[in-house]
Amino acid sequence: MPNKPLIKTNNSENTPCSIYWKCLLWLVLTILLLLTLIPSPPKPINIDNIDKAYHLIAFAGFTFIFMIAFNNIKTRYLILLSVSLGIIIEAIQYYVPNRSFSLADIIADSLGVFLGFISIGLLKNNLKKQVLVKYFGITN
């Protein structure tokens, strides 16, 4: 049984659009790391556990962009890397002043990763339907 490659063959790896998404990914990753690792983060809205929603949204957006920027890497590896990032951030926060390790944050991060993954799937499915209707008249 031959080993499957980590990276799928894709000739559009360095198109201007893919470079844009990769730059956006690095920007989002930088902001994500800054906001999660600085000792005194911005004060959240005064709602109980609102930071969990922030984690979910941040990791959903990160994963969404990650999957577009690196669509030539197998999905399971992208998901694994995104979830691992959340775990690593929480582990580092244990050592950052005024921060703490939180299993609830890891769960929110992981849910955000899966939300980003599902969003990409829904977007791809919707785009395929639009193409089928527009170019082939198929409505089913």
N, C-alpha and C. Protein backbone atom coordinates (compact mmCIF):
# COMPACT_ATOMS: atom_id res chain seq x y z
N MET A 1 0.84 -1.17 0.00
CA MET A 1 0.00 0.00 0.00
C MET A 1 0.90 1.25 0.00
N PRO A 2 0.88 2.05 -1.07
CA PRO A 2 1.76 3.22 -1.15
C PRO A 2 1.29 4.33 -0.21
N ASN A 3 2.25 5.07 0.31
CA ASN A 3 1.93 6.21 1.17
C ASN A 3 1.38 7.34 0.32
N LYS A 4 0.36 7.99 0.83
CA LYS A 4 -0.22 9.14 0.14
C LYS A 4 0.58 10.38 0.52
N PRO A 5 0.84 11.27 -0.44
CA PRO A 5 1.63 12.47 -0.11
C PRO A 5 0.83 13.44 0.75
N LEU A 6 1.56 14.19 1.57
CA LEU A 6 0.94 15.22 2.40
C LEU A 6 0.36 16.33 1.53
N ILE A 7 1.07 16.68 0.48
CA ILE A 7 0.65 17.77 -0.38
C ILE A 7 0.06 17.21 -1.66
N LYS A 8 -1.16 17.67 -1.97
CA LYS A 8 -1.82 17.28 -3.22
C LYS A 8 -1.21 18.09 -4.36
N THR A 9 -1.18 17.53 -5.54
CA THR A 9 -0.66 18.25 -6.69
C THR A 9 -1.66 19.32 -7.09
N ASN A 10 -1.17 20.54 -7.22
CA ASN A 10 -2.02 21.66 -7.58
C ASN A 10 -1.15 22.69 -8.29
N ASN A 11 -1.47 22.99 -9.53
CA ASN A 11 -0.64 23.92 -10.31
C ASN A 11 -0.89 25.38 -9.98
N SER A 12 -1.93 25.68 -9.18
CA SER A 12 -2.25 27.07 -8.89
C SER A 12 -1.64 27.54 -7.57
N GLU A 13 -0.54 26.92 -7.17
CA GLU A 13 0.05 27.20 -5.86
C GLU A 13 0.56 28.63 -5.72
N ASN A 14 1.09 29.23 -6.77
CA ASN A 14 1.66 30.57 -6.67
C ASN A 14 0.97 31.58 -7.56
N THR A 15 -0.33 31.44 -7.72
CA THR A 15 -1.07 32.45 -8.46
C THR A 15 -1.17 33.70 -7.61
N PRO A 16 -1.43 34.87 -8.21
CA PRO A 16 -1.56 36.08 -7.41
C PRO A 16 -2.63 35.95 -6.32
N CYS A 17 -3.71 35.24 -6.60
CA CYS A 17 -4.77 35.05 -5.62
C CYS A 17 -4.27 34.22 -4.43
N SER A 18 -3.52 33.15 -4.70
CA SER A 18 -3.03 32.31 -3.60
C SER A 18 -2.00 33.06 -2.77
N ILE A 19 -1.21 33.91 -3.39
CA ILE A 19 -0.23 34.71 -2.65
C ILE A 19 -0.96 35.70 -1.74
N TYR A 20 -2.05 36.29 -2.23
CA TYR A 20 -2.86 37.19 -1.42
C TYR A 20 -3.38 36.47 -0.18
N TRP A 21 -3.92 35.27 -0.37
CA TRP A 21 -4.47 34.51 0.76
C TRP A 21 -3.37 34.11 1.75
N LYS A 22 -2.19 33.79 1.25
CA LYS A 22 -1.09 33.44 2.14
C LYS A 22 -0.63 34.65 2.95
N CYS A 23 -0.58 35.82 2.32
CA CYS A 23 -0.23 37.05 3.04
C CYS A 23 -1.28 37.36 4.10
N LEU A 24 -2.55 37.20 3.73
CA LEU A 24 -3.63 37.44 4.68
C LEU A 24 -3.55 36.46 5.84
N LEU A 25 -3.20 35.21 5.55
CA LEU A 25 -3.05 34.21 6.61
C LEU A 25 -1.96 34.62 7.59
N TRP A 26 -0.82 35.07 7.10
CA TRP A 26 0.27 35.49 7.99
C TRP A 26 -0.13 36.69 8.83
N LEU A 27 -0.90 37.61 8.23
CA LEU A 27 -1.38 38.77 8.98
C LEU A 27 -2.33 38.33 10.09
N VAL A 28 -3.28 37.46 9.76
CA VAL A 28 -4.23 36.97 10.76
C VAL A 28 -3.51 36.18 11.85
N LEU A 29 -2.55 35.35 11.47
CA LEU A 29 -1.79 34.58 12.45
C LEU A 29 -1.02 35.50 13.39
N THR A 30 -0.42 36.54 12.85
CA THR A 30 0.33 37.50 13.67
C THR A 30 -0.60 38.19 14.67
N ILE A 31 -1.74 38.65 14.20
CA ILE A 31 -2.70 39.31 15.09
C ILE A 31 -3.22 38.34 16.14
N LEU A 32 -3.52 37.11 15.72
CA LEU A 32 -3.99 36.09 16.65
C LEU A 32 -2.96 35.83 17.75
N LEU A 33 -1.70 35.68 17.36
CA LEU A 33 -0.65 35.42 18.35
C LEU A 33 -0.45 36.62 19.28
N LEU A 34 -0.48 37.82 18.72
CA LEU A 34 -0.32 39.02 19.56
C LEU A 34 -1.45 39.13 20.59
N LEU A 35 -2.68 38.95 20.14
CA LEU A 35 -3.81 39.10 21.04
C LEU A 35 -3.89 37.99 22.09
N THR A 36 -3.37 36.82 21.75
CA THR A 36 -3.46 35.71 22.70
C THR A 36 -2.25 35.60 23.62
N LEU A 37 -1.15 36.24 23.27
CA LEU A 37 0.06 36.06 24.06
C LEU A 37 0.56 37.32 24.78
N ILE A 38 -0.06 38.47 24.53
CA ILE A 38 0.36 39.65 25.27
C ILE A 38 -0.15 39.55 26.71
N PRO A 39 0.64 40.05 27.68
CA PRO A 39 0.24 39.92 29.09
C PRO A 39 -1.05 40.65 29.45
N SER A 40 -1.32 41.78 28.82
CA SER A 40 -2.53 42.54 29.12
C SER A 40 -3.37 42.69 27.86
N PRO A 41 -4.27 41.73 27.61
CA PRO A 41 -5.07 41.79 26.39
C PRO A 41 -6.11 42.91 26.47
N PRO A 42 -6.67 43.32 25.33
CA PRO A 42 -7.75 44.32 25.36
C PRO A 42 -8.92 43.82 26.20
N LYS A 43 -9.58 44.72 26.87
CA LYS A 43 -10.72 44.34 27.72
C LYS A 43 -11.90 43.91 26.85
N PRO A 44 -12.43 42.73 27.11
CA PRO A 44 -13.59 42.28 26.32
C PRO A 44 -14.88 42.96 26.78
N ILE A 45 -15.90 42.79 25.99
CA ILE A 45 -17.23 43.26 26.37
C ILE A 45 -17.60 42.56 27.68
N ASN A 46 -18.32 43.24 28.53
CA ASN A 46 -18.63 42.70 29.85
C ASN A 46 -19.80 41.70 29.79
N ILE A 47 -19.55 40.57 29.16
CA ILE A 47 -20.52 39.47 29.09
C ILE A 47 -19.78 38.22 29.54
N ASP A 48 -20.41 37.42 30.37
CA ASP A 48 -19.77 36.21 30.87
C ASP A 48 -19.31 35.31 29.72
N ASN A 49 -18.08 34.86 29.81
CA ASN A 49 -17.47 33.92 28.85
C ASN A 49 -17.45 34.42 27.40
N ILE A 50 -17.48 35.73 27.19
CA ILE A 50 -17.43 36.26 25.83
C ILE A 50 -16.11 35.91 25.15
N ASP A 51 -15.07 35.71 25.97
CA ASP A 51 -13.77 35.35 25.39
C ASP A 51 -13.84 34.02 24.64
N LYS A 52 -14.75 33.14 25.03
CA LYS A 52 -14.91 31.86 24.31
C LYS A 52 -15.45 32.11 22.91
N ALA A 53 -16.35 33.06 22.79
CA ALA A 53 -16.86 33.44 21.46
C ALA A 53 -15.73 34.04 20.62
N TYR A 54 -14.88 34.84 21.26
CA TYR A 54 -13.73 35.42 20.55
C TYR A 54 -12.81 34.30 20.03
N HIS A 55 -12.55 33.32 20.87
CA HIS A 55 -11.72 32.19 20.46
C HIS A 55 -12.35 31.46 19.28
N LEU A 56 -13.63 31.17 19.38
CA LEU A 56 -14.34 30.45 18.32
C LEU A 56 -14.26 31.21 17.00
N ILE A 57 -14.56 32.50 17.04
CA ILE A 57 -14.55 33.32 15.82
C ILE A 57 -13.14 33.44 15.25
N ALA A 58 -12.16 33.67 16.12
CA ALA A 58 -10.78 33.82 15.65
C ALA A 58 -10.29 32.56 14.96
N PHE A 59 -10.54 31.40 15.56
CA PHE A 59 -10.04 30.16 14.97
C PHE A 59 -10.87 29.72 13.77
N ALA A 60 -12.14 30.08 13.72
CA ALA A 60 -12.94 29.80 12.52
C ALA A 60 -12.38 30.61 11.35
N GLY A 61 -12.12 31.90 11.60
CA GLY A 61 -11.56 32.74 10.54
C GLY A 61 -10.17 32.29 10.11
N PHE A 62 -9.34 31.97 11.10
CA PHE A 62 -7.99 31.50 10.79
C PHE A 62 -8.04 30.23 9.94
N THR A 63 -8.85 29.27 10.35
CA THR A 63 -8.93 28.00 9.62
C THR A 63 -9.50 28.20 8.22
N PHE A 64 -10.50 29.06 8.09
CA PHE A 64 -11.09 29.36 6.79
C PHE A 64 -10.02 29.88 5.83
N ILE A 65 -9.25 30.86 6.29
CA ILE A 65 -8.20 31.45 5.46
C ILE A 65 -7.08 30.43 5.21
N PHE A 66 -6.71 29.67 6.22
CA PHE A 66 -5.67 28.64 6.11
C PHE A 66 -6.04 27.62 5.02
N MET A 67 -7.29 27.21 5.00
CA MET A 67 -7.71 26.19 4.04
C MET A 67 -7.75 26.75 2.61
N ILE A 68 -7.99 28.04 2.46
CA ILE A 68 -7.95 28.65 1.13
C ILE A 68 -6.50 28.87 0.71
N ALA A 69 -5.69 29.39 1.61
CA ALA A 69 -4.30 29.72 1.29
C ALA A 69 -3.48 28.48 0.95
N PHE A 70 -3.77 27.38 1.62
CA PHE A 70 -3.01 26.15 1.41
C PHE A 70 -3.95 25.01 1.02
N ASN A 71 -4.71 25.24 -0.04
CA ASN A 71 -5.67 24.22 -0.47
C ASN A 71 -5.01 23.00 -1.08
N ASN A 72 -3.71 23.03 -1.24
CA ASN A 72 -2.99 21.87 -1.78
C ASN A 72 -2.50 20.93 -0.68
N ILE A 73 -2.74 21.27 0.58
CA ILE A 73 -2.38 20.39 1.69
C ILE A 73 -3.65 19.67 2.14
N LYS A 74 -3.52 18.42 2.46
CA LYS A 74 -4.69 17.62 2.84
C LYS A 74 -5.41 18.24 4.03
N THR A 75 -6.73 18.19 3.97
CA THR A 75 -7.59 18.83 4.96
C THR A 75 -7.30 18.36 6.38
N ARG A 76 -7.10 17.09 6.56
CA ARG A 76 -6.88 16.58 7.93
C ARG A 76 -5.62 17.18 8.55
N TYR A 77 -4.62 17.47 7.73
CA TYR A 77 -3.40 18.09 8.26
C TYR A 77 -3.62 19.56 8.61
N LEU A 78 -4.41 20.25 7.80
CA LEU A 78 -4.72 21.64 8.10
C LEU A 78 -5.52 21.74 9.39
N ILE A 79 -6.48 20.84 9.57
CA ILE A 79 -7.28 20.83 10.80
C ILE A 79 -6.38 20.51 11.99
N LEU A 80 -5.53 19.50 11.84
CA LEU A 80 -4.62 19.12 12.92
C LEU A 80 -3.69 20.28 13.30
N LEU A 81 -3.17 20.98 12.31
CA LEU A 81 -2.29 22.12 12.59
C LEU A 81 -3.04 23.24 13.29
N SER A 82 -4.27 23.51 12.87
CA SER A 82 -5.06 24.58 13.48
C SER A 82 -5.41 24.26 14.93
N VAL A 83 -5.84 23.02 15.19
CA VAL A 83 -6.16 22.62 16.57
C VAL A 83 -4.89 22.65 17.42
N SER A 84 -3.78 22.18 16.85
CA SER A 84 -2.50 22.19 17.57
C SER A 84 -2.09 23.61 17.93
N LEU A 85 -2.33 24.55 17.05
CA LEU A 85 -2.01 25.96 17.34
C LEU A 85 -2.76 26.42 18.58
N GLY A 86 -4.04 26.09 18.68
CA GLY A 86 -4.83 26.47 19.85
C GLY A 86 -4.27 25.87 21.13
N ILE A 87 -3.88 24.61 21.06
CA ILE A 87 -3.32 23.93 22.23
C ILE A 87 -1.99 24.55 22.63
N ILE A 88 -1.14 24.83 21.64
CA ILE A 88 0.17 25.43 21.91
C ILE A 88 0.01 26.83 22.52
N ILE A 89 -0.91 27.61 21.99
CA ILE A 89 -1.14 28.95 22.54
C ILE A 89 -1.56 28.85 24.00
N GLU A 90 -2.46 27.94 24.30
CA GLU A 90 -2.90 27.78 25.69
C GLU A 90 -1.76 27.33 26.59
N ALA A 91 -0.91 26.44 26.10
CA ALA A 91 0.23 25.99 26.89
C ALA A 91 1.19 27.15 27.17
N ILE A 92 1.42 27.99 26.17
CA ILE A 92 2.31 29.15 26.36
C ILE A 92 1.68 30.14 27.32
N GLN A 93 0.36 30.32 27.26
CA GLN A 93 -0.31 31.27 28.14
C GLN A 93 -0.11 30.92 29.62
N TYR A 94 0.12 29.68 29.91
CA TYR A 94 0.37 29.26 31.29
C TYR A 94 1.57 30.02 31.88
N TYR A 95 2.53 30.38 31.02
CA TYR A 95 3.76 31.04 31.45
C TYR A 95 3.73 32.55 31.25
N VAL A 96 2.67 33.09 30.66
CA VAL A 96 2.58 34.52 30.40
C VAL A 96 1.88 35.19 31.59
N PRO A 97 2.48 36.27 32.12
CA PRO A 97 1.85 36.97 33.24
C PRO A 97 0.43 37.42 32.89
N ASN A 98 -0.47 37.34 33.85
CA ASN A 98 -1.88 37.73 33.69
C ASN A 98 -2.66 36.85 32.71
N ARG A 99 -2.10 35.72 32.34
CA ARG A 99 -2.77 34.77 31.46
C ARG A 99 -2.81 33.43 32.16
N SER A 100 -3.64 32.52 31.65
CA SER A 100 -3.70 31.20 32.25
C SER A 100 -4.09 30.16 31.20
N PHE A 101 -3.74 28.93 31.48
CA PHE A 101 -4.12 27.80 30.65
C PHE A 101 -5.61 27.55 30.88
N SER A 102 -6.35 27.30 29.78
CA SER A 102 -7.79 27.05 29.92
C SER A 102 -8.22 25.96 28.95
N LEU A 103 -8.73 24.88 29.51
CA LEU A 103 -9.27 23.80 28.67
C LEU A 103 -10.49 24.29 27.89
N ALA A 104 -11.28 25.17 28.49
CA ALA A 104 -12.46 25.73 27.80
C ALA A 104 -12.03 26.52 26.57
N ASP A 105 -10.90 27.22 26.65
CA ASP A 105 -10.40 27.96 25.48
C ASP A 105 -9.97 26.99 24.38
N ILE A 106 -9.35 25.89 24.75
CA ILE A 106 -8.95 24.89 23.76
C ILE A 106 -10.18 24.32 23.07
N ILE A 107 -11.23 24.07 23.82
CA ILE A 107 -12.47 23.56 23.24
C ILE A 107 -13.07 24.60 22.29
N ALA A 108 -13.09 25.87 22.71
CA ALA A 108 -13.60 26.95 21.85
C ALA A 108 -12.76 27.08 20.59
N ASP A 109 -11.43 26.99 20.73
CA ASP A 109 -10.54 27.05 19.57
C ASP A 109 -10.85 25.90 18.60
N SER A 110 -11.00 24.70 19.15
CA SER A 110 -11.26 23.52 18.32
C SER A 110 -12.61 23.61 17.63
N LEU A 111 -13.62 24.09 18.34
CA LEU A 111 -14.93 24.29 17.71
C LEU A 111 -14.83 25.32 16.59
N GLY A 112 -14.03 26.35 16.82
CA GLY A 112 -13.81 27.35 15.77
C GLY A 112 -13.14 26.76 14.55
N VAL A 113 -12.16 25.87 14.77
CA VAL A 113 -11.49 25.18 13.65
C VAL A 113 -12.52 24.41 12.84
N PHE A 114 -13.38 23.67 13.52
CA PHE A 114 -14.37 22.88 12.79
C PHE A 114 -15.43 23.76 12.14
N LEU A 115 -15.75 24.90 12.72
CA LEU A 115 -16.66 25.85 12.10
C LEU A 115 -16.05 26.41 10.81
N GLY A 116 -14.76 26.72 10.86
CA GLY A 116 -14.07 27.19 9.65
C GLY A 116 -14.05 26.13 8.58
N PHE A 117 -13.81 24.89 8.96
CA PHE A 117 -13.81 23.77 8.02
C PHE A 117 -15.19 23.58 7.40
N ILE A 118 -16.23 23.62 8.22
CA ILE A 118 -17.59 23.45 7.71
C ILE A 118 -17.96 24.61 6.79
N SER A 119 -17.53 25.83 7.14
CA SER A 119 -17.81 27.00 6.30
C SER A 119 -17.20 26.85 4.92
N ILE A 120 -15.98 26.35 4.86
CA ILE A 120 -15.34 26.11 3.56
C ILE A 120 -16.13 25.08 2.77
N GLY A 121 -16.54 24.00 3.44
CA GLY A 121 -17.32 22.97 2.75
C GLY A 121 -18.62 23.50 2.21
N LEU A 122 -19.32 24.31 2.99
CA LEU A 122 -20.58 24.89 2.53
C LEU A 122 -20.34 25.85 1.37
N LEU A 123 -19.28 26.63 1.45
CA LEU A 123 -18.96 27.57 0.38
C LEU A 123 -18.65 26.82 -0.91
N LYS A 124 -17.82 25.78 -0.82
CA LYS A 124 -17.49 24.99 -2.01
C LYS A 124 -18.74 24.34 -2.60
N ASN A 125 -19.59 23.80 -1.75
CA ASN A 125 -20.81 23.15 -2.20
C ASN A 125 -21.72 24.15 -2.90
N ASN A 126 -21.86 25.35 -2.33
CA ASN A 126 -22.70 26.39 -2.92
C ASN A 126 -22.14 26.85 -4.26
N LEU A 127 -20.82 27.03 -4.33
CA LEU A 127 -20.20 27.46 -5.59
C LEU A 127 -20.37 26.40 -6.67
N LYS A 128 -20.23 25.12 -6.31
CA LYS A 128 -20.42 24.04 -7.28
C LYS A 128 -21.84 24.07 -7.82
N LYS A 129 -22.83 24.28 -6.94
CA LYS A 129 -24.22 24.33 -7.37
C LYS A 129 -24.44 25.49 -8.33
N GLN A 130 -23.86 26.65 -8.02
CA GLN A 130 -24.02 27.82 -8.89
C GLN A 130 -23.42 27.56 -10.27
N VAL A 131 -22.26 26.91 -10.31
CA VAL A 131 -21.62 26.59 -11.59
C VAL A 131 -22.47 25.59 -12.37
N LEU A 132 -22.99 24.57 -11.69
CA LEU A 132 -23.83 23.58 -12.36
C LEU A 132 -25.09 24.21 -12.95
N VAL A 133 -25.70 25.12 -12.20
CA VAL A 133 -26.91 25.78 -12.70
C VAL A 133 -26.57 26.74 -13.84
N LYS A 134 -25.55 27.56 -13.64
CA LYS A 134 -25.21 28.59 -14.62
C LYS A 134 -24.74 28.01 -15.95
N TYR A 135 -23.85 27.03 -15.90
CA TYR A 135 -23.22 26.56 -17.11
C TYR A 135 -23.83 25.28 -17.68
N PHE A 136 -24.52 24.52 -16.84
CA PHE A 136 -25.04 23.24 -17.32
C PHE A 136 -26.54 23.11 -17.14
N GLY A 137 -27.18 24.08 -16.51
CA GLY A 137 -28.63 24.04 -16.32
C GLY A 137 -29.08 22.95 -15.36
N ILE A 138 -28.18 22.42 -14.57
CA ILE A 138 -28.52 21.36 -13.63
C ILE A 138 -28.96 22.01 -12.32
N THR A 139 -30.15 21.69 -11.86
CA THR A 139 -30.67 22.31 -10.66
C THR A 139 -30.74 21.34 -9.49
N ASN A 140 -30.33 20.13 -9.67
CA ASN A 140 -30.43 19.13 -8.60
C ASN A 140 -29.12 18.95 -7.88
